[in-house]
PDB file of N, CA and C in Angstrom:
ATOM      1  N   MET A   1       0.823  -1.142   0.000  1.00  0.00           N
ATOM      2  CA  MET A   1       0.000   0.000   0.000  1.00  0.00           C
ATOM      3  C   MET A   1       0.896   1.244   0.000  1.00  0.00           C
ATOM      4  N   THR A   2       0.503   2.228  -0.732  1.00  0.00           N
ATOM      5  CA  THR A   2       1.311   3.448  -0.830  1.00  0.00           C
ATOM      6  C   THR A   2       0.706   4.518   0.077  1.00  0.00           C
ATOM      7  N   THR A   3       1.559   5.344   0.579  1.00  0.00           N
ATOM      8  CA  THR A   3       1.060   6.412   1.434  1.00  0.00           C
ATOM      9  C   THR A   3       0.637   7.603   0.570  1.00  0.00           C
ATOM     10  N   PRO A   4      -0.458   8.180   0.964  1.00  0.00           N
ATOM     11  CA  PRO A   4      -0.911   9.326   0.164  1.00  0.00           C
ATOM     12  C   PRO A   4       0.106  10.461   0.269  1.00  0.00           C
ATOM     13  N   ASP A   5       0.144  11.278  -0.824  1.00  0.00           N
ATOM     14  CA  ASP A   5       1.054  12.434  -0.834  1.00  0.00           C
ATOM     15  C   ASP A   5       0.685  13.372   0.307  1.00  0.00           C
ATOM     16  N   LYS A   6       1.701  13.811   0.976  1.00  0.00           N
ATOM     17  CA  LYS A   6       1.462  14.708   2.092  1.00  0.00           C
ATOM     18  C   LYS A   6       1.171  16.107   1.542  1.00  0.00           C
ATOM     19  N   LYS A   7       0.067  16.712   2.003  1.00  0.00           N
ATOM     20  CA  LYS A   7      -0.322  18.037   1.558  1.00  0.00           C
ATOM     21  C   LYS A   7       0.377  19.077   2.414  1.00  0.00           C
ATOM     22  N   PRO A   8       0.698  20.236   1.815  1.00  0.00           N
ATOM     23  CA  PRO A   8       1.362  21.274   2.592  1.00  0.00           C
ATOM     24  C   PRO A   8       0.453  21.787   3.705  1.00  0.00           C
ATOM     25  N   ASP A   9       1.056  22.179   4.796  1.00  0.00           N
ATOM     26  CA  ASP A   9       0.322  22.673   5.949  1.00  0.00           C
ATOM     27  C   ASP A   9       0.388  24.213   5.954  1.00  0.00           C
ATOM     28  N   PHE A  10      -0.741  24.880   5.721  1.00  0.00           N
ATOM     29  CA  PHE A  10      -0.814  26.337   5.690  1.00  0.00           C
ATOM     30  C   PHE A  10      -1.494  26.890   6.946  1.00  0.00           C
ATOM     31  N   SER A  11      -1.621  26.153   7.970  1.00  0.00           N
ATOM     32  CA  SER A  11      -2.358  26.578   9.147  1.00  0.00           C
ATOM     33  C   SER A  11      -1.699  27.744   9.890  1.00  0.00           C
ATOM     34  N   ASN A  12      -0.407  27.956   9.722  1.00  0.00           N
ATOM     35  CA  ASN A  12       0.249  29.041  10.434  1.00  0.00           C
ATOM     36  C   ASN A  12       0.523  30.272   9.544  1.00  0.00           C
ATOM     37  N   VAL A  13      -0.035  30.300   8.344  1.00  0.00           N
ATOM     38  CA  VAL A  13       0.175  31.423   7.423  1.00  0.00           C
ATOM     39  C   VAL A  13      -0.705  32.600   7.847  1.00  0.00           C
ATOM     40  N   GLN A  14      -0.136  33.792   7.826  1.00  0.00           N
ATOM     41  CA  GLN A  14      -0.871  34.997   8.162  1.00  0.00           C
ATOM     42  C   GLN A  14      -0.770  35.971   6.987  1.00  0.00           C
ATOM     43  N   SER A  15      -1.808  36.797   6.819  1.00  0.00           N
ATOM     44  CA  SER A  15      -1.782  37.789   5.731  1.00  0.00           C
ATOM     45  C   SER A  15      -2.397  39.096   6.225  1.00  0.00           C
ATOM     46  N   SER A  16      -2.086  40.159   5.498  1.00  0.00           N
ATOM     47  CA  SER A  16      -2.685  41.457   5.797  1.00  0.00           C
ATOM     48  C   SER A  16      -2.767  42.246   4.491  1.00  0.00           C
ATOM     49  N   VAL A  17      -3.656  43.232   4.479  1.00  0.00           N
ATOM     50  CA  VAL A  17      -3.843  44.049   3.288  1.00  0.00           C
ATOM     51  C   VAL A  17      -3.777  45.514   3.703  1.00  0.00           C
ATOM     52  N   THR A  18      -3.002  46.302   2.972  1.00  0.00           N
ATOM     53  CA  THR A  18      -2.988  47.743   3.179  1.00  0.00           C
ATOM     54  C   THR A  18      -3.303  48.398   1.842  1.00  0.00           C
ATOM     55  N   SER A  19      -4.103  49.434   1.894  1.00  0.00           N
ATOM     56  CA  SER A  19      -4.533  50.125   0.683  1.00  0.00           C
ATOM     57  C   SER A  19      -3.506  51.167   0.282  1.00  0.00           C
ATOM     58  N   THR A  20      -3.371  51.368  -1.020  1.00  0.00           N
ATOM     59  CA  THR A  20      -2.494  52.420  -1.522  1.00  0.00           C
ATOM     60  C   THR A  20      -3.278  53.720  -1.701  1.00  0.00           C
ATOM     61  N   GLU A  21      -4.601  53.650  -1.479  1.00  0.00           N
ATOM     62  CA  GLU A  21      -5.432  54.850  -1.597  1.00  0.00           C
ATOM     63  C   GLU A  21      -5.120  55.781  -0.435  1.00  0.00           C
ATOM     64  N   GLN A  22      -4.960  57.068  -0.783  1.00  0.00           N
ATOM     65  CA  GLN A  22      -4.664  58.042   0.254  1.00  0.00           C
ATOM     66  C   GLN A  22      -5.914  58.313   1.084  1.00  0.00           C
ATOM     67  N   ALA A  23      -5.683  58.593   2.347  1.00  0.00           N
ATOM     68  CA  ALA A  23      -6.802  58.924   3.219  1.00  0.00           C
ATOM     69  C   ALA A  23      -7.427  60.230   2.747  1.00  0.00           C
ATOM     70  N   ARG A  24      -8.732  60.291   2.767  1.00  0.00           N
ATOM     71  CA  ARG A  24      -9.432  61.493   2.331  1.00  0.00           C
ATOM     72  C   ARG A  24      -9.452  62.510   3.455  1.00  0.00           C
ATOM     73  N   PRO A  25      -9.225  63.783   3.105  1.00  0.00           N
ATOM     74  CA  PRO A  25      -9.232  64.809   4.154  1.00  0.00           C
ATOM     75  C   PRO A  25     -10.621  64.993   4.741  1.00  0.00           C
ATOM     76  N   ASP A  26     -10.659  65.370   5.996  1.00  0.00           N
ATOM     77  CA  ASP A  26     -11.918  65.586   6.703  1.00  0.00           C
ATOM     78  C   ASP A  26     -12.265  67.066   6.639  1.00  0.00           C
ATOM     79  N   PHE A  27     -13.321  67.410   5.904  1.00  0.00           N
ATOM     80  CA  PHE A  27     -13.757  68.779   5.761  1.00  0.00           C
ATOM     81  C   PHE A  27     -15.003  69.071   6.605  1.00  0.00           C
ATOM     82  N   SER A  28     -15.309  68.245   7.557  1.00  0.00           N
ATOM     83  CA  SER A  28     -16.540  68.397   8.320  1.00  0.00           C
ATOM     84  C   SER A  28     -16.568  69.670   9.174  1.00  0.00           C
ATOM     85  N   ASN A  29     -15.401  70.225   9.481  1.00  0.00           N
ATOM     86  CA  ASN A  29     -15.383  71.424  10.320  1.00  0.00           C
ATOM     87  C   ASN A  29     -15.139  72.708   9.514  1.00  0.00           C
ATOM     88  N   VAL A  30     -15.207  72.646   8.204  1.00  0.00           N
ATOM     89  CA  VAL A  30     -14.970  73.814   7.362  1.00  0.00           C
ATOM     90  C   VAL A  30     -16.184  74.730   7.398  1.00  0.00           C
ATOM     91  N   GLN A  31     -15.913  76.021   7.547  1.00  0.00           N
ATOM     92  CA  GLN A  31     -16.980  77.014   7.553  1.00  0.00           C
ATOM     93  C   GLN A  31     -16.726  77.981   6.418  1.00  0.00           C
ATOM     94  N   THR A  32     -17.804  78.480   5.790  1.00  0.00           N
ATOM     95  CA  THR A  32     -17.657  79.416   4.689  1.00  0.00           C
ATOM     96  C   THR A  32     -18.524  80.645   4.916  1.00  0.00           C
ATOM     97  N   THR A  33     -18.110  81.728   4.290  1.00  0.00           N
ATOM     98  CA  THR A  33     -18.923  82.936   4.251  1.00  0.00           C
ATOM     99  C   THR A  33     -18.868  83.457   2.827  1.00  0.00           C
ATOM    100  N   VAL A  34     -19.892  84.162   2.418  1.00  0.00           N
ATOM    101  CA  VAL A  34     -19.950  84.699   1.068  1.00  0.00           C
ATOM    102  C   VAL A  34     -20.018  86.213   1.154  1.00  0.00           C
ATOM    103  N   THR A  35     -19.128  86.855   0.436  1.00  0.00           N
ATOM    104  CA  THR A  35     -19.118  88.304   0.347  1.00  0.00           C
ATOM    105  C   THR A  35     -19.129  88.654  -1.129  1.00  0.00           C
ATOM    106  N   THR A  36     -19.999  89.539  -1.531  1.00  0.00           N
ATOM    107  CA  THR A  36     -20.094  89.883  -2.943  1.00  0.00           C
ATOM    108  C   THR A  36     -18.947  90.797  -3.349  1.00  0.00           C
ATOM    109  N   THR A  37     -18.500  90.631  -4.576  1.00  0.00           N
ATOM    110  CA  THR A  37     -17.492  91.517  -5.141  1.00  0.00           C
ATOM    111  C   THR A  37     -18.109  92.395  -6.214  1.00  0.00           C
ATOM    112  N   GLU A  38     -19.423  92.306  -6.356  1.00  0.00           N
ATOM    113  CA  GLU A  38     -20.119  93.102  -7.363  1.00  0.00           C
ATOM    114  C   GLU A  38     -20.076  94.572  -6.971  1.00  0.00           C
ATOM    115  N   GLU A  39     -19.770  95.411  -7.956  1.00  0.00           N
ATOM    116  CA  GLU A  39     -19.739  96.843  -7.690  1.00  0.00           C
ATOM    117  C   GLU A  39     -21.154  97.342  -7.460  1.00  0.00           C
ATOM    118  N   ILE A  40     -21.271  98.319  -6.586  1.00  0.00           N
ATOM    119  CA  ILE A  40     -22.571  98.939  -6.364  1.00  0.00           C
ATOM    120  C   ILE A  40     -22.707 100.035  -7.405  1.00  0.00           C
ATOM    121  N   ILE A  41     -23.696  99.886  -8.259  1.00  0.00           N
ATOM    122  CA  ILE A  41     -23.900 100.809  -9.363  1.00  0.00           C
ATOM    123  C   ILE A  41     -25.042 101.738  -9.019  1.00  0.00           C
ATOM    124  N   GLY A  42     -24.841 103.029  -9.249  1.00  0.00           N
ATOM    125  CA  GLY A  42     -25.879 104.017  -8.985  1.00  0.00           C
ATOM    126  C   GLY A  42     -27.020 103.858  -9.971  1.00  0.00           C
ATOM    127  N   GLY A  43     -27.912 104.823  -9.993  1.00  0.00           N
ATOM    128  CA  GLY A  43     -29.082 104.790 -10.870  1.00  0.00           C
ATOM    129  C   GLY A  43     -28.703 104.825 -12.328  1.00  0.00           C
ATOM    130  N   GLU A  44     -29.691 104.871 -13.172  1.00  0.00           N
ATOM    131  CA  GLU A  44     -29.524 104.848 -14.616  1.00  0.00           C
ATOM    132  C   GLU A  44     -28.517 105.894 -15.087  1.00  0.00           C
ATOM    133  N   GLY A  45     -27.492 105.468 -15.812  1.00  0.00           N
ATOM    134  CA  GLY A  45     -26.536 106.365 -16.423  1.00  0.00           C
ATOM    135  C   GLY A  45     -25.460 106.873 -15.487  1.00  0.00           C
ATOM    136  N   GLY A  46     -25.574 106.642 -14.200  1.00  0.00           N
ATOM    137  CA  GLY A  46     -24.586 107.161 -13.265  1.00  0.00           C
ATOM    138  C   GLY A  46     -23.761 106.055 -12.673  1.00  0.00           C
ATOM    139  N   GLY A  47     -22.537 106.364 -12.362  1.00  0.00           N
ATOM    140  CA  GLY A  47     -21.684 105.379 -11.730  1.00  0.00           C
ATOM    141  C   GLY A  47     -21.624 105.560 -10.239  1.00  0.00           C
ATOM    142  N   GLY A  48     -22.204 106.648  -9.750  1.00  0.00           N
ATOM    143  CA  GLY A  48     -22.190 106.874  -8.312  1.00  0.00           C
ATOM    144  C   GLY A  48     -20.786 106.937  -7.752  1.00  0.00           C
ATOM    145  N   GLY A  49     -19.807 107.355  -8.584  1.00  0.00           N
ATOM    146  CA  GLY A  49     -18.430 107.448  -8.123  1.00  0.00           C
ATOM    147  C   GLY A  49     -17.687 106.133  -8.180  1.00  0.00           C
ATOM    148  N   THR A  50     -18.285 105.089  -8.746  1.00  0.00           N
ATOM    149  CA  THR A  50     -17.630 103.788  -8.792  1.00  0.00           C
ATOM    150  C   THR A  50     -16.789 103.608 -10.037  1.00  0.00           C
ATOM    151  N   GLY A  51     -16.858 104.550 -10.996  1.00  0.00           N
ATOM    152  CA  GLY A  51     -16.116 104.387 -12.237  1.00  0.00           C
ATOM    153  C   GLY A  51     -16.849 103.497 -13.210  1.00  0.00           C
ATOM    154  N   ALA A  52     -18.124 103.234 -12.985  1.00  0.00           N
ATOM    155  CA  ALA A  52     -18.905 102.407 -13.891  1.00  0.00           C
ATOM    156  C   ALA A  52     -20.224 103.113 -14.165  1.00  0.00           C
ATOM    157  N   GLN A  53     -20.814 102.772 -15.293  1.00  0.00           N
ATOM    158  CA  GLN A  53     -22.118 103.327 -15.619  1.00  0.00           C
ATOM    159  C   GLN A  53     -22.940 102.228 -16.273  1.00  0.00           C
ATOM    160  N   THR A  54     -24.190 102.519 -16.541  1.00  0.00           N
ATOM    161  CA  THR A  54     -25.039 101.545 -17.214  1.00  0.00           C
ATOM    162  C   THR A  54     -25.306 102.002 -18.635  1.00  0.00           C
ATOM    163  N   TYR A  55     -25.679 101.041 -19.473  1.00  0.00           N
ATOM    164  CA  TYR A  55     -25.988 101.322 -20.876  1.00  0.00           C
ATOM    165  C   TYR A  55     -27.127 100.397 -21.275  1.00  0.00           C
ATOM    166  N   THR A  56     -28.093 100.929 -22.012  1.00  0.00           N
ATOM    167  CA  THR A  56     -29.197 100.115 -22.506  1.00  0.00           C
ATOM    168  C   THR A  56     -28.906  99.740 -23.952  1.00  0.00           C
ATOM    169  N   ILE A  57     -28.888  98.447 -24.190  1.00  0.00           N
ATOM    170  CA  ILE A  57     -28.565  97.910 -25.516  1.00  0.00           C
ATOM    171  C   ILE A  57     -29.604  98.377 -26.535  1.00  0.00           C
ATOM    172  N   GLU A  58     -29.113  98.765 -27.697  1.00  0.00           N
ATOM    173  CA  GLU A  58     -29.970  99.192 -28.789  1.00  0.00           C
ATOM    174  C   GLU A  58     -29.862  98.196 -29.937  1.00  0.00           C
ATOM    175  N   LYS A  59     -30.830  98.243 -30.846  1.00  0.00           N
ATOM    176  CA  LYS A  59     -30.841  97.348 -31.998  1.00  0.00           C
ATOM    177  C   LYS A  59     -29.540  97.520 -32.789  1.00  0.00           C
ATOM    178  N   GLY A  60     -28.899  96.400 -33.114  1.00  0.00           N
ATOM    179  CA  GLY A  60     -27.662  96.408 -33.883  1.00  0.00           C
ATOM    180  C   GLY A  60     -26.400  96.442 -33.041  1.00  0.00           C
ATOM    181  N   ASP A  61     -26.528  96.638 -31.739  1.00  0.00           N
ATOM    182  CA  ASP A  61     -25.354  96.678 -30.868  1.00  0.00           C
ATOM    183  C   ASP A  61     -24.699  95.307 -30.750  1.00  0.00           C
ATOM    184  N   THR A  62     -23.392  95.314 -30.590  1.00  0.00           N
ATOM    185  CA  THR A  62     -22.614  94.137 -30.197  1.00  0.00           C
ATOM    186  C   THR A  62     -21.729  94.576 -29.043  1.00  0.00           C
ATOM    187  N   LEU A  63     -21.223  93.631 -28.283  1.00  0.00           N
ATOM    188  CA  LEU A  63     -20.337  94.016 -27.185  1.00  0.00           C
ATOM    189  C   LEU A  63     -19.066  94.667 -27.718  1.00  0.00           C
ATOM    190  N   SER A  64     -18.596  94.222 -28.871  1.00  0.00           N
ATOM    191  CA  SER A  64     -17.412  94.833 -29.479  1.00  0.00           C
ATOM    192  C   SER A  64     -17.683  96.285 -29.867  1.00  0.00           C
ATOM    193  N   ALA A  65     -18.838  96.534 -30.459  1.00  0.00           N
ATOM    194  CA  ALA A  65     -19.197  97.895 -30.870  1.00  0.00           C
ATOM    195  C   ALA A  65     -19.359  98.801 -29.647  1.00  0.00           C
ATOM    196  N   ILE A  66     -19.974  98.277 -28.596  1.00  0.00           N
ATOM    197  CA  ILE A  66     -20.138  99.053 -27.363  1.00  0.00           C
ATOM    198  C   ILE A  66     -18.763  99.356 -26.769  1.00  0.00           C
ATOM    199  N   SER A  67     -17.879  98.365 -26.779  1.00  0.00           N
ATOM    200  CA  SER A  67     -16.523  98.547 -26.269  1.00  0.00           C
ATOM    201  C   SER A  67     -15.797  99.636 -27.051  1.00  0.00           C
ATOM    202  N   LYS A  68     -15.881  99.591 -28.365  1.00  0.00           N
ATOM    203  CA  LYS A  68     -15.216 100.597 -29.195  1.00  0.00           C
ATOM    204  C   LYS A  68     -15.783 101.998 -28.919  1.00  0.00           C
ATOM    205  N   ARG A  69     -17.104 102.069 -28.762  1.00  0.00           N
ATOM    206  CA  ARG A  69     -17.759 103.360 -28.527  1.00  0.00           C
ATOM    207  C   ARG A  69     -17.332 103.985 -27.200  1.00  0.00           C
ATOM    208  N   PHE A  70     -17.272 103.180 -26.137  1.00  0.00           N
ATOM    209  CA  PHE A  70     -17.008 103.732 -24.808  1.00  0.00           C
ATOM    210  C   PHE A  70     -15.535 103.700 -24.391  1.00  0.00           C
ATOM    211  N   TYR A  71     -14.770 102.737 -24.934  1.00  0.00           N
ATOM    212  CA  TYR A  71     -13.383 102.590 -24.498  1.00  0.00           C
ATOM    213  C   TYR A  71     -12.370 102.872 -25.605  1.00  0.00           C
ATOM    214  N   GLY A  72     -12.875 103.087 -26.834  1.00  0.00           N
ATOM    215  CA  GLY A  72     -11.982 103.394 -27.940  1.00  0.00           C
ATOM    216  C   GLY A  72     -11.425 102.188 -28.664  1.00  0.00           C
ATOM    217  N   LYS A  73     -11.602 101.001 -28.093  1.00  0.00           N
ATOM    218  CA  LYS A  73     -11.110  99.771 -28.708  1.00  0.00           C
ATOM    219  C   LYS A  73     -12.133  98.663 -28.504  1.00  0.00           C
ATOM    220  N   ALA A  74     -12.327  97.848 -29.556  1.00  0.00           N
ATOM    221  CA  ALA A  74     -13.297  96.751 -29.493  1.00  0.00           C
ATOM    222  C   ALA A  74     -12.821  95.609 -28.602  1.00  0.00           C
ATOM    223  N   LYS A  75     -11.522  95.557 -28.311  1.00  0.00           N
ATOM    224  CA  LYS A  75     -10.959  94.414 -27.574  1.00  0.00           C
ATOM    225  C   LYS A  75     -11.422  94.299 -26.127  1.00  0.00           C
ATOM    226  N   PHE A  76     -12.076  95.321 -25.593  1.00  0.00           N
ATOM    227  CA  PHE A  76     -12.514  95.278 -24.203  1.00  0.00           C
ATOM    228  C   PHE A  76     -13.912  94.657 -24.037  1.00  0.00           C
ATOM    229  N   TRP A  77     -14.433  94.031 -25.119  1.00  0.00           N
ATOM    230  CA  TRP A  77     -15.769  93.421 -25.052  1.00  0.00           C
ATOM    231  C   TRP A  77     -15.829  92.356 -23.957  1.00  0.00           C
ATOM    232  N   ARG A  78     -14.730  91.623 -23.763  1.00  0.00           N
ATOM    233  CA  ARG A  78     -14.726  90.533 -22.773  1.00  0.00           C
ATOM    234  C   ARG A  78     -14.912  91.069 -21.354  1.00  0.00           C
ATOM    235  N   GLN A  79     -14.305  92.220 -21.036  1.00  0.00           N
ATOM    236  CA  GLN A  79     -14.474  92.811 -19.713  1.00  0.00           C
ATOM    237  C   GLN A  79     -15.928  93.242 -19.500  1.00  0.00           C
ATOM    238  N   ILE A  80     -16.562  93.754 -20.564  1.00  0.00           N
ATOM    239  CA  ILE A  80     -17.981  94.112 -20.463  1.00  0.00           C
ATOM    240  C   ILE A  80     -18.793  92.848 -20.189  1.00  0.00           C
ATOM    241  N   PHE A  81     -18.497  91.782 -20.924  1.00  0.00           N
ATOM    242  CA  PHE A  81     -19.207  90.517 -20.729  1.00  0.00           C
ATOM    243  C   PHE A  81     -19.020  89.998 -19.302  1.00  0.00           C
ATOM    244  N   GLU A  82     -17.786  89.982 -18.811  1.00  0.00           N
ATOM    245  CA  GLU A  82     -17.512  89.476 -17.464  1.00  0.00           C
ATOM    246  C   GLU A  82     -18.235  90.303 -16.397  1.00  0.00           C
ATOM    247  N   ALA A  83     -18.347  91.608 -16.609  1.00  0.00           N
ATOM    248  CA  ALA A  83     -19.022  92.471 -15.637  1.00  0.00           C
ATOM    249  C   ALA A  83     -20.533  92.263 -15.644  1.00  0.00           C
ATOM    250  N   ASN A  84     -21.037  91.567 -16.673  1.00  0.00           N
ATOM    251  CA  ASN A  84     -22.486  91.388 -16.825  1.00  0.00           C
ATOM    252  C   ASN A  84     -22.903  89.930 -16.901  1.00  0.00           C
ATOM    253  N   ARG A  85     -22.106  89.041 -16.306  1.00  0.00           N
ATOM    254  CA  ARG A  85     -22.437  87.603 -16.304  1.00  0.00           C
ATOM    255  C   ARG A  85     -23.814  87.332 -15.715  1.00  0.00           C
ATOM    256  N   ASP A  86     -24.276  88.217 -14.843  1.00  0.00           N
ATOM    257  CA  ASP A  86     -25.584  88.017 -14.212  1.00  0.00           C
ATOM    258  C   ASP A  86     -26.730  88.296 -15.181  1.00  0.00           C
ATOM    259  N   THR A  87     -26.487  89.023 -16.266  1.00  0.00           N
ATOM    260  CA  THR A  87     -27.556  89.338 -17.221  1.00  0.00           C
ATOM    261  C   THR A  87     -27.297  88.817 -18.624  1.00  0.00           C
ATOM    262  N   ILE A  88     -26.048  88.551 -18.967  1.00  0.00           N
ATOM    263  CA  ILE A  88     -25.709  88.060 -20.309  1.00  0.00           C
ATOM    264  C   ILE A  88     -25.155  86.648 -20.195  1.00  0.00           C
ATOM    265  N   GLU A  89     -25.864  85.684 -20.791  1.00  0.00           N
ATOM    266  CA  GLU A  89     -25.398  84.297 -20.767  1.00  0.00           C
ATOM    267  C   GLU A  89     -24.416  84.012 -21.894  1.00  0.00           C
ATOM    268  N   ASP A  90     -24.649  84.618 -23.060  1.00  0.00           N
ATOM    269  CA  ASP A  90     -23.838  84.384 -24.244  1.00  0.00           C
ATOM    270  C   ASP A  90     -23.475  85.744 -24.829  1.00  0.00           C
ATOM    271  N   PRO A  91     -22.184  86.057 -24.974  1.00  0.00           N
ATOM    272  CA  PRO A  91     -21.797  87.376 -25.463  1.00  0.00           C
ATOM    273  C   PRO A  91     -22.262  87.664 -26.891  1.00  0.00           C
ATOM    274  N   ASP A  92     -22.620  86.636 -27.628  1.00  0.00           N
ATOM    275  CA  ASP A  92     -23.124  86.818 -28.988  1.00  0.00           C
ATOM    276  C   ASP A  92     -24.639  87.004 -29.032  1.00  0.00           C
ATOM    277  N   ARG A  93     -25.295  86.946 -27.870  1.00  0.00           N
ATOM    278  CA  ARG A  93     -26.753  87.076 -27.823  1.00  0.00           C
ATOM    279  C   ARG A  93     -27.147  88.131 -26.803  1.00  0.00           C
ATOM    280  N   ILE A  94     -27.091  89.379 -27.241  1.00  0.00           N
ATOM    281  CA  ILE A  94     -27.581  90.478 -26.423  1.00  0.00           C
ATOM    282  C   ILE A  94     -28.799  91.049 -27.127  1.00  0.00           C
ATOM    283  N   PHE A  95     -29.686  91.700 -26.364  1.00  0.00           N
ATOM    284  CA  PHE A  95     -30.968  92.111 -26.911  1.00  0.00           C
ATOM    285  C   PHE A  95     -31.264  93.570 -26.610  1.00  0.00           C
ATOM    286  N   PRO A  96     -31.911  94.253 -27.566  1.00  0.00           N
ATOM    287  CA  PRO A  96     -32.322  95.632 -27.310  1.00  0.00           C
ATOM    288  C   PRO A  96     -33.169  95.707 -26.041  1.00  0.00           C
ATOM    289  N   GLY A  97     -32.903  96.724 -25.242  1.00  0.00           N
ATOM    290  CA  GLY A  97     -33.639  96.897 -23.996  1.00  0.00           C
ATOM    291  C   GLY A  97     -32.898  96.365 -22.787  1.00  0.00           C
ATOM    292  N   GLN A  98     -31.916  95.485 -22.976  1.00  0.00           N
ATOM    293  CA  GLN A  98     -31.126  94.989 -21.850  1.00  0.00           C
ATOM    294  C   GLN A  98     -30.277  96.137 -21.313  1.00  0.00           C
ATOM    295  N   THR A  99     -30.220  96.265 -20.003  1.00  0.00           N
ATOM    296  CA  THR A  99     -29.355  97.266 -19.388  1.00  0.00           C
ATOM    297  C   THR A  99     -28.130  96.550 -18.847  1.00  0.00           C
ATOM    298  N   ILE A 100     -26.959  97.016 -19.262  1.00  0.00           N
ATOM    299  CA  ILE A 100     -25.709  96.394 -18.829  1.00  0.00           C
ATOM    300  C   ILE A 100     -24.856  97.420 -18.109  1.00  0.00           C
ATOM    301  N   LYS A 101     -23.901  96.915 -17.338  1.00  0.00           N
ATOM    302  CA  LYS A 101     -22.927  97.772 -16.661  1.00  0.00           C
ATOM    303  C   LYS A 101     -21.729  97.945 -17.570  1.00  0.00           C
ATOM    304  N   LEU A 102     -21.205  99.142 -17.616  1.00  0.00           N
ATOM    305  CA  LEU A 102     -19.955  99.418 -18.320  1.00  0.00           C
ATOM    306  C   LEU A 102     -18.897  99.638 -17.240  1.00  0.00           C
ATOM    307  N   PRO A 103     -18.054  98.634 -17.015  1.00  0.00           N
ATOM    308  CA  PRO A 103     -17.092  98.718 -15.911  1.00  0.00           C
ATOM    309  C   PRO A 103     -15.951  99.676 -16.223  1.00  0.00           C
ATOM    310  N   ALA A 104     -15.311 100.157 -15.184  1.00  0.00           N
ATOM    311  CA  ALA A 104     -14.089 100.929 -15.346  1.00  0.00           C
ATOM    312  C   ALA A 104     -12.995  99.949 -15.761  1.00  0.00           C
ATOM    313  N   ILE A 105     -12.241 100.307 -16.789  1.00  0.00           N
ATOM    314  CA  ILE A 105     -11.196  99.430 -17.338  1.00  0.00           C
ATOM    315  C   ILE A 105      -9.924 100.262 -17.501  1.00  0.00           C
ATOM    316  N   ASP A 106      -8.777  99.661 -17.264  1.00  0.00           N
ATOM    317  CA  ASP A 106      -7.497 100.334 -17.487  1.00  0.00           C
ATOM    318  C   ASP A 106      -7.220 100.330 -18.994  1.00  0.00           C
ATOM    319  N   VAL A 107      -7.766 101.304 -19.688  1.00  0.00           N
ATOM    320  CA  VAL A 107      -7.677 101.379 -21.145  1.00  0.00           C
ATOM    321  C   VAL A 107      -6.277 101.766 -21.610  1.00  0.00           C
ATOM    322  N   ASP A 108      -5.649 102.699 -20.913  1.00  0.00           N
ATOM    323  CA  ASP A 108      -4.354 103.211 -21.374  1.00  0.00           C
ATOM    324  C   ASP A 108      -3.150 102.491 -20.757  1.00  0.00           C
ATOM    325  N   GLY A 109      -3.408 101.487 -19.912  1.00  0.00           N
ATOM    326  CA  GLY A 109      -2.324 100.671 -19.367  1.00  0.00           C
ATOM    327  C   GLY A 109      -1.477 101.339 -18.302  1.00  0.00           C
ATOM    328  N   ASP A 110      -1.989 102.412 -17.685  1.00  0.00           N
ATOM    329  CA  ASP A 110      -1.204 103.106 -16.663  1.00  0.00           C
ATOM    330  C   ASP A 110      -1.438 102.555 -15.242  1.00  0.00           C
ATOM    331  N   GLY A 111      -2.266 101.518 -15.157  1.00  0.00           N
ATOM    332  CA  GLY A 111      -2.551 100.914 -13.856  1.00  0.00           C
ATOM    333  C   GLY A 111      -3.762 101.484 -13.157  1.00  0.00           C
ATOM    334  N   ASP A 112      -4.310 102.562 -13.694  1.00  0.00           N
ATOM    335  CA  ASP A 112      -5.511 103.172 -13.113  1.00  0.00           C
ATOM    336  C   ASP A 112      -6.733 102.837 -13.963  1.00  0.00           C
ATOM    337  N   LEU A 113      -7.841 102.530 -13.285  1.00  0.00           N
ATOM    338  CA  LEU A 113      -9.073 102.258 -14.017  1.00  0.00           C
ATOM    339  C   LEU A 113      -9.602 103.546 -14.633  1.00  0.00           C
ATOM    340  N   ASP A 114     -10.046 103.436 -15.891  1.00  0.00           N
ATOM    341  CA  ASP A 114     -10.554 104.591 -16.616  1.00  0.00           C
ATOM    342  C   ASP A 114     -12.062 104.531 -16.698  1.00  0.00           C
ATOM    343  N   ASP A 115     -12.712 105.662 -16.472  1.00  0.00           N
ATOM    344  CA  ASP A 115     -14.164 105.791 -16.529  1.00  0.00           C
ATOM    345  C   ASP A 115     -14.623 105.647 -17.969  1.00  0.00           C
ATOM    346  N   PRO A 116     -15.634 104.802 -18.240  1.00  0.00           N
ATOM    347  CA  PRO A 116     -16.095 104.612 -19.620  1.00  0.00           C
ATOM    348  C   PRO A 116     -16.689 105.875 -20.246  1.00  0.00           C
ATOM    349  N   THR A 117     -17.044 106.870 -19.430  1.00  0.00           N
ATOM    350  CA  THR A 117     -17.604 108.110 -19.981  1.00  0.00           C
ATOM    351  C   THR A 117     -16.497 109.067 -20.382  1.00  0.00           C
ATOM    352  N   GLY A 118     -15.255 108.704 -20.034  1.00  0.00           N
ATOM    353  CA  GLY A 118     -14.129 109.574 -20.373  1.00  0.00           C
ATOM    354  C   GLY A 118     -13.916 110.687 -19.366  1.00  0.00           C
ATOM    355  N   GLY A 119     -14.680 110.650 -18.265  1.00  0.00           N
ATOM    356  CA  GLY A 119     -14.612 111.737 -17.272  1.00  0.00           C
ATOM    357  C   GLY A 119     -13.610 111.575 -16.234  1.00  0.00           C
TER     358      GLY A 119
END
């Protein structure tokens, strides 16, 4: 009679697993506050000393044309758009009757914001 093959004994083997995933930070104690950075604009046509004024879009207007009219260069259309994100969703779709803010922009590059009325 032959003896059966002896099977290996794994009874004393131990294993462990550690993850390579980084621990996630705990943000449970984070507190936030919201402060607006929107300029306070005076009534129609006035900047109230803020260096900004309002303009009502007319038929045929584009932001580039408005920029050229008030700032002397069409390239400032993006600043007008950014100042009016709350009312303009698409810079290519503005409508007659919309009132927009004309922000003060450093047009001449001297570091000082210039009033869109030239004043």
